[in-house]
């Protein structure tokens, strides 16, 4: 098989399928080579090692996620509406890429120090995007929590659980799930219960 960018992309796609279905540890470079009908040496040529292939997958997914989040954060919307768009975009990327999610959630123990550095850079980039948007909300006096990092990490905890349990083939429609999670996060973090949350159901006026 000739060496080309197209073959490299196919290798990444094949590895995603195998890592997600069999697990990273249980999938060998030979398994991937057999699925691609190529030699093991070709995979080493492209990626250097099995971990090199894993890192290529993580970088591929991270770039898609960061591009989408930056696009949402650049939207010309009111801060609260833009934050809802940011959160729903993150959940939508996660909900439409369940195989990549399983790989993205691998523990750092699977990675070399170089791989961990790559992972931390992505995490910091995502944190910076959220922190900046949370700061905009804080300046409007909307947030219950004044520590923006804690608020961001709380949100990431919700998103990470969504990444673990949501299945596109399951009974819950993705857009319904996204809307309910956004409402859960926003109503929990917004200081004023009467604040209008764009896209969320209107308050009926009843109180406990």
C-alpha atoms as a PDB file:
ATOM      1  CA  UNK A   1       0.000   0.000   0.000  1.00  0.00           C
ATOM      2  CA  UNK A   2       1.437   3.385  -1.017  1.00  0.00           C
ATOM      3  CA  UNK A   3       2.198   5.906   1.689  1.00  0.00           C
ATOM      4  CA  UNK A   4      -0.102   8.928   1.429  1.00  0.00           C
ATOM      5  CA  UNK A   5      -2.081  11.377   3.595  1.00  0.00           C
ATOM      6  CA  UNK A   6      -5.244   9.466   2.638  1.00  0.00           C
ATOM      7  CA  UNK A   7      -3.792   6.235   4.001  1.00  0.00           C
ATOM      8  CA  UNK A   8      -2.768   8.045   7.184  1.00  0.00           C
ATOM      9  CA  UNK A   9      -6.337   9.325   7.655  1.00  0.00           C
ATOM     10  CA  UNK A  10      -7.714   5.816   7.052  1.00  0.00           C
ATOM     11  CA  UNK A  11      -5.299   4.441   9.631  1.00  0.00           C
ATOM     12  CA  UNK A  12      -6.577   6.936  12.193  1.00  0.00           C
ATOM     13  CA  UNK A  13     -10.204   6.040  11.383  1.00  0.00           C
ATOM     14  CA  UNK A  14      -9.467   2.294  11.617  1.00  0.00           C
ATOM     15  CA  UNK A  15      -7.607   2.694  14.905  1.00  0.00           C
ATOM     16  CA  UNK A  16     -10.519   4.692  16.347  1.00  0.00           C
ATOM     17  CA  UNK A  17     -12.885   1.833  15.532  1.00  0.00           C
ATOM     18  CA  UNK A  18     -10.595  -0.838  17.012  1.00  0.00           C
ATOM     19  CA  UNK A  19      -9.551   1.106  20.116  1.00  0.00           C
ATOM     20  CA  UNK A  20     -13.188   1.958  20.850  1.00  0.00           C
ATOM     21  CA  UNK A  21     -14.514  -1.581  20.312  1.00  0.00           C
ATOM     22  CA  UNK A  22     -11.657  -3.705  21.719  1.00  0.00           C
ATOM     23  CA  UNK A  23      -9.959  -1.213  24.020  1.00  0.00           C
ATOM     24  CA  UNK A  24      -6.588   0.449  23.606  1.00  0.00           C
ATOM     25  CA  UNK A  25      -4.635  -2.167  25.573  1.00  0.00           C
ATOM     26  CA  UNK A  26      -6.269  -5.101  23.798  1.00  0.00           C
ATOM     27  CA  UNK A  27      -5.626  -3.727  20.298  1.00  0.00           C
ATOM     28  CA  UNK A  28      -2.204  -4.389  18.812  1.00  0.00           C
ATOM     29  CA  UNK A  29      -0.459  -2.636  15.956  1.00  0.00           C
ATOM     30  CA  UNK A  30      -0.743  -5.937  14.082  1.00  0.00           C
ATOM     31  CA  UNK A  31      -4.551  -5.862  14.517  1.00  0.00           C
ATOM     32  CA  UNK A  32      -4.655  -2.430  12.904  1.00  0.00           C
ATOM     33  CA  UNK A  33      -2.287  -3.481  10.107  1.00  0.00           C
ATOM     34  CA  UNK A  34      -4.426  -6.532   9.333  1.00  0.00           C
ATOM     35  CA  UNK A  35      -7.610  -4.431   9.246  1.00  0.00           C
ATOM     36  CA  UNK A  36      -5.905  -2.055   6.808  1.00  0.00           C
ATOM     37  CA  UNK A  37      -4.254  -4.851   4.771  1.00  0.00           C
ATOM     38  CA  UNK A  38      -0.859  -3.208   5.236  1.00  0.00           C
ATOM     39  CA  UNK A  39       2.387  -4.059   6.955  1.00  0.00           C
ATOM     40  CA  UNK A  40       3.184  -3.178  10.558  1.00  0.00           C
ATOM     41  CA  UNK A  41       6.207  -1.227   9.331  1.00  0.00           C
ATOM     42  CA  UNK A  42       3.902   1.148   7.443  1.00  0.00           C
ATOM     43  CA  UNK A  43       2.119   2.064  10.664  1.00  0.00           C
ATOM     44  CA  UNK A  44       5.429   2.677  12.383  1.00  0.00           C
ATOM     45  CA  UNK A  45       6.448   4.836   9.420  1.00  0.00           C
ATOM     46  CA  UNK A  46       3.414   7.067   9.865  1.00  0.00           C
ATOM     47  CA  UNK A  47       3.195   7.211  13.666  1.00  0.00           C
ATOM     48  CA  UNK A  48       6.382   5.754  15.174  1.00  0.00           C
ATOM     49  CA  UNK A  49       4.547   3.622  17.717  1.00  0.00           C
ATOM     50  CA  UNK A  50       1.144   2.536  18.958  1.00  0.00           C
ATOM     51  CA  UNK A  51       1.115   5.492  21.317  1.00  0.00           C
ATOM     52  CA  UNK A  52       2.011   7.764  18.413  1.00  0.00           C
ATOM     53  CA  UNK A  53      -1.159   6.569  16.704  1.00  0.00           C
ATOM     54  CA  UNK A  54      -3.152   7.153  19.901  1.00  0.00           C
ATOM     55  CA  UNK A  55      -1.781  10.679  20.171  1.00  0.00           C
ATOM     56  CA  UNK A  56      -2.716  11.358  16.543  1.00  0.00           C
ATOM     57  CA  UNK A  57      -6.297  10.345  17.356  1.00  0.00           C
ATOM     58  CA  UNK A  58      -6.378  12.548  20.455  1.00  0.00           C
ATOM     59  CA  UNK A  59      -4.972  15.502  18.509  1.00  0.00           C
ATOM     60  CA  UNK A  60      -7.498  14.945  15.709  1.00  0.00           C
ATOM     61  CA  UNK A  61     -10.427  14.942  18.158  1.00  0.00           C
ATOM     62  CA  UNK A  62      -9.022  17.851  20.163  1.00  0.00           C
ATOM     63  CA  UNK A  63      -8.658  20.020  17.069  1.00  0.00           C
ATOM     64  CA  UNK A  64     -12.273  19.390  16.067  1.00  0.00           C
ATOM     65  CA  UNK A  65     -13.450  20.224  19.589  1.00  0.00           C
ATOM     66  CA  UNK A  66     -11.315  23.364  19.935  1.00  0.00           C
ATOM     67  CA  UNK A  67     -12.354  24.679  16.508  1.00  0.00           C
ATOM     68  CA  UNK A  68     -16.038  24.264  17.398  1.00  0.00           C
ATOM     69  CA  UNK A  69     -15.647  25.821  20.861  1.00  0.00           C
ATOM     70  CA  UNK A  70     -13.720  28.806  19.513  1.00  0.00           C
ATOM     71  CA  UNK A  71     -16.362  29.328  16.856  1.00  0.00           C
ATOM     72  CA  UNK A  72     -19.098  29.321  19.526  1.00  0.00           C
ATOM     73  CA  UNK A  73     -17.099  31.669  21.782  1.00  0.00           C
ATOM     74  CA  UNK A  74     -16.713  34.115  18.876  1.00  0.00           C
ATOM     75  CA  UNK A  75     -20.464  34.280  18.189  1.00  0.00           C
ATOM     76  CA  UNK A  76     -21.991  37.753  18.288  1.00  0.00           C
ATOM     77  CA  UNK A  77     -24.497  37.005  21.055  1.00  0.00           C
ATOM     78  CA  UNK A  78     -25.341  38.221  24.529  1.00  0.00           C
ATOM     79  CA  UNK A  79     -22.947  36.626  27.086  1.00  0.00           C
ATOM     80  CA  UNK A  80     -25.507  34.243  28.605  1.00  0.00           C
ATOM     81  CA  UNK A  81     -26.803  33.137  25.216  1.00  0.00           C
ATOM     82  CA  UNK A  82     -23.236  32.693  23.948  1.00  0.00           C
ATOM     83  CA  UNK A  83     -22.353  30.575  26.984  1.00  0.00           C
ATOM     84  CA  UNK A  84     -25.345  28.348  26.336  1.00  0.00           C
ATOM     85  CA  UNK A  85     -24.151  27.978  22.730  1.00  0.00           C
ATOM     86  CA  UNK A  86     -20.649  27.097  23.949  1.00  0.00           C
ATOM     87  CA  UNK A  87     -21.962  24.440  26.314  1.00  0.00           C
ATOM     88  CA  UNK A  88     -24.407  22.959  23.801  1.00  0.00           C
ATOM     89  CA  UNK A  89     -21.660  22.875  21.149  1.00  0.00           C
ATOM     90  CA  UNK A  90     -19.358  20.952  23.502  1.00  0.00           C
ATOM     91  CA  UNK A  91     -22.112  18.464  24.317  1.00  0.00           C
ATOM     92  CA  UNK A  92     -23.000  18.067  20.641  1.00  0.00           C
ATOM     93  CA  UNK A  93     -19.412  17.300  19.624  1.00  0.00           C
ATOM     94  CA  UNK A  94     -19.267  14.726  22.429  1.00  0.00           C
ATOM     95  CA  UNK A  95     -22.656  13.249  21.577  1.00  0.00           C
ATOM     96  CA  UNK A  96     -21.881  12.760  17.895  1.00  0.00           C
ATOM     97  CA  UNK A  97     -18.433  11.165  18.404  1.00  0.00           C
ATOM     98  CA  UNK A  98     -18.895   8.383  20.981  1.00  0.00           C
ATOM     99  CA  UNK A  99     -15.945   6.286  19.747  1.00  0.00           C
ATOM    100  CA  UNK A 100     -13.512   9.174  19.996  1.00  0.00           C
ATOM    101  CA  UNK A 101     -14.922   9.981  23.449  1.00  0.00           C
ATOM    102  CA  UNK A 102     -13.961   6.546  24.780  1.00  0.00           C
ATOM    103  CA  UNK A 103     -10.403   7.126  23.617  1.00  0.00           C
ATOM    104  CA  UNK A 104     -10.300  10.763  24.749  1.00  0.00           C
ATOM    105  CA  UNK A 105     -11.264   9.686  28.282  1.00  0.00           C
ATOM    106  CA  UNK A 106      -8.318   7.300  28.637  1.00  0.00           C
ATOM    107  CA  UNK A 107      -6.292   7.860  31.786  1.00  0.00           C
ATOM    108  CA  UNK A 108      -2.959   9.676  31.531  1.00  0.00           C
ATOM    109  CA  UNK A 109      -1.361   6.397  32.669  1.00  0.00           C
ATOM    110  CA  UNK A 110      -1.724   5.191  29.077  1.00  0.00           C
ATOM    111  CA  UNK A 111       0.441   8.040  27.811  1.00  0.00           C
ATOM    112  CA  UNK A 112       4.117   8.888  27.904  1.00  0.00           C
ATOM    113  CA  UNK A 113       5.214  12.186  29.423  1.00  0.00           C
ATOM    114  CA  UNK A 114       5.159  13.722  25.949  1.00  0.00           C
ATOM    115  CA  UNK A 115       1.600  12.521  25.450  1.00  0.00           C
ATOM    116  CA  UNK A 116       0.563  13.869  28.850  1.00  0.00           C
ATOM    117  CA  UNK A 117       1.989  17.273  27.903  1.00  0.00           C
ATOM    118  CA  UNK A 118      -0.118  17.245  24.710  1.00  0.00           C
ATOM    119  CA  UNK A 119      -3.216  16.302  26.712  1.00  0.00           C
ATOM    120  CA  UNK A 120      -2.647  19.037  29.285  1.00  0.00           C
ATOM    121  CA  UNK A 121      -2.240  21.643  26.556  1.00  0.00           C
ATOM    122  CA  UNK A 122      -5.647  20.746  25.152  1.00  0.00           C
ATOM    123  CA  UNK A 123      -7.200  20.803  28.623  1.00  0.00           C
ATOM    124  CA  UNK A 124      -5.736  24.242  29.281  1.00  0.00           C
ATOM    125  CA  UNK A 125      -7.016  25.549  25.945  1.00  0.00           C
ATOM    126  CA  UNK A 126     -10.553  24.339  26.715  1.00  0.00           C
ATOM    127  CA  UNK A 127     -10.334  25.748  30.257  1.00  0.00           C
ATOM    128  CA  UNK A 128      -9.216  29.134  28.901  1.00  0.00           C
ATOM    129  CA  UNK A 129     -12.217  29.293  26.558  1.00  0.00           C
ATOM    130  CA  UNK A 130     -14.673  28.519  29.353  1.00  0.00           C
ATOM    131  CA  UNK A 131     -12.968  30.764  31.903  1.00  0.00           C
ATOM    132  CA  UNK A 132     -13.107  33.719  29.538  1.00  0.00           C
ATOM    133  CA  UNK A 133     -16.836  33.216  28.934  1.00  0.00           C
ATOM    134  CA  UNK A 134     -17.509  32.698  32.642  1.00  0.00           C
ATOM    135  CA  UNK A 135     -15.636  35.921  33.362  1.00  0.00           C
ATOM    136  CA  UNK A 136     -18.036  37.758  31.059  1.00  0.00           C
ATOM    137  CA  UNK A 137     -20.964  36.380  33.065  1.00  0.00           C
ATOM    138  CA  UNK A 138     -19.267  37.225  36.368  1.00  0.00           C
ATOM    139  CA  UNK A 139     -18.814  40.833  35.265  1.00  0.00           C
ATOM    140  CA  UNK A 140     -22.577  41.003  34.799  1.00  0.00           C
ATOM    141  CA  UNK A 141     -23.074  39.703  38.340  1.00  0.00           C
ATOM    142  CA  UNK A 142     -24.792  36.531  37.148  1.00  0.00           C
ATOM    143  CA  UNK A 143     -22.701  33.776  38.761  1.00  0.00           C
ATOM    144  CA  UNK A 144     -23.288  32.138  42.133  1.00  0.00           C
ATOM    145  CA  UNK A 145     -19.680  30.863  42.303  1.00  0.00           C
ATOM    146  CA  UNK A 146     -16.955  33.516  42.302  1.00  0.00           C
ATOM    147  CA  UNK A 147     -14.109  31.060  41.631  1.00  0.00           C
ATOM    148  CA  UNK A 148     -14.216  30.643  37.856  1.00  0.00           C
ATOM    149  CA  UNK A 149     -11.917  27.608  37.781  1.00  0.00           C
ATOM    150  CA  UNK A 150     -14.136  25.734  40.221  1.00  0.00           C
ATOM    151  CA  UNK A 151     -17.177  26.667  38.141  1.00  0.00           C
ATOM    152  CA  UNK A 152     -15.447  25.477  34.954  1.00  0.00           C
ATOM    153  CA  UNK A 153     -14.352  22.178  36.544  1.00  0.00           C
ATOM    154  CA  UNK A 154     -17.908  21.569  37.790  1.00  0.00           C
ATOM    155  CA  UNK A 155     -19.157  22.016  34.231  1.00  0.00           C
ATOM    156  CA  UNK A 156     -16.465  19.696  32.860  1.00  0.00           C
ATOM    157  CA  UNK A 157     -17.573  17.054  35.357  1.00  0.00           C
ATOM    158  CA  UNK A 158     -21.096  17.169  33.912  1.00  0.00           C
ATOM    159  CA  UNK A 159     -19.789  17.050  30.333  1.00  0.00           C
ATOM    160  CA  UNK A 160     -17.431  14.149  31.074  1.00  0.00           C
ATOM    161  CA  UNK A 161     -20.244  12.065  32.520  1.00  0.00           C
ATOM    162  CA  UNK A 162     -22.322  12.844  29.444  1.00  0.00           C
ATOM    163  CA  UNK A 163     -19.413  11.605  27.318  1.00  0.00           C
ATOM    164  CA  UNK A 164     -19.349   8.342  29.293  1.00  0.00           C
ATOM    165  CA  UNK A 165     -23.024   7.409  29.337  1.00  0.00           C
ATOM    166  CA  UNK A 166     -24.660   8.953  26.273  1.00  0.00           C
ATOM    167  CA  UNK A 167     -25.260   6.570  23.337  1.00  0.00           C
ATOM    168  CA  UNK A 168     -26.630   7.890  20.001  1.00  0.00           C
ATOM    169  CA  UNK A 169     -28.490   4.610  19.499  1.00  0.00           C
ATOM    170  CA  UNK A 170     -30.138   4.867  22.930  1.00  0.00           C
ATOM    171  CA  UNK A 171     -33.656   6.093  23.783  1.00  0.00           C
ATOM    172  CA  UNK A 172     -32.645   9.712  24.501  1.00  0.00           C
ATOM    173  CA  UNK A 173     -32.535  12.130  21.567  1.00  0.00           C
ATOM    174  CA  UNK A 174     -29.293  14.104  21.504  1.00  0.00           C
ATOM    175  CA  UNK A 175     -30.882  17.556  21.223  1.00  0.00           C
ATOM    176  CA  UNK A 176     -33.293  16.812  24.071  1.00  0.00           C
ATOM    177  CA  UNK A 177     -30.388  15.622  26.211  1.00  0.00           C
ATOM    178  CA  UNK A 178     -28.327  18.703  25.363  1.00  0.00           C
ATOM    179  CA  UNK A 179     -31.183  21.037  26.264  1.00  0.00           C
ATOM    180  CA  UNK A 180     -31.786  19.352  29.623  1.00  0.00           C
ATOM    181  CA  UNK A 181     -28.086  19.345  30.533  1.00  0.00           C
ATOM    182  CA  UNK A 182     -27.754  23.011  29.556  1.00  0.00           C
ATOM    183  CA  UNK A 183     -30.740  23.880  31.753  1.00  0.00           C
ATOM    184  CA  UNK A 184     -29.265  21.874  34.630  1.00  0.00           C
ATOM    185  CA  UNK A 185     -25.898  23.654  34.378  1.00  0.00           C
ATOM    186  CA  UNK A 186     -27.236  27.141  33.778  1.00  0.00           C
ATOM    187  CA  UNK A 187     -29.936  27.132  36.434  1.00  0.00           C
ATOM    188  CA  UNK A 188     -27.350  25.817  38.881  1.00  0.00           C
ATOM    189  CA  UNK A 189     -24.724  28.474  38.203  1.00  0.00           C
ATOM    190  CA  UNK A 190     -26.816  31.588  37.576  1.00  0.00           C
ATOM    191  CA  UNK A 191     -27.325  33.757  40.650  1.00  0.00           C
ATOM    192  CA  UNK A 192     -30.683  35.245  39.697  1.00  0.00           C
ATOM    193  CA  UNK A 193     -33.338  32.515  39.306  1.00  0.00           C
ATOM    194  CA  UNK A 194     -35.397  34.888  37.170  1.00  0.00           C
ATOM    195  CA  UNK A 195     -32.551  35.422  34.675  1.00  0.00           C
ATOM    196  CA  UNK A 196     -33.649  34.521  31.187  1.00  0.00           C
ATOM    197  CA  UNK A 197     -31.765  31.481  29.920  1.00  0.00           C
ATOM    198  CA  UNK A 198     -31.900  31.559  26.145  1.00  0.00           C
ATOM    199  CA  UNK A 199     -33.438  28.416  24.726  1.00  0.00           C
ATOM    200  CA  UNK A 200     -34.690  27.219  28.110  1.00  0.00           C
ATOM    201  CA  UNK A 201     -38.362  26.892  29.149  1.00  0.00           C
ATOM    202  CA  UNK A 202     -39.813  30.079  30.623  1.00  0.00           C
ATOM    203  CA  UNK A 203     -40.427  30.221  34.379  1.00  0.00           C
ATOM    204  CA  UNK A 204     -44.103  29.500  34.997  1.00  0.00           C
ATOM    205  CA  UNK A 205     -44.162  31.868  37.964  1.00  0.00           C
ATOM    206  CA  UNK A 206     -44.703  29.082  40.499  1.00  0.00           C
ATOM    207  CA  UNK A 207     -42.331  28.970  43.457  1.00  0.00           C
ATOM    208  CA  UNK A 208     -41.578  26.384  46.096  1.00  0.00           C
END
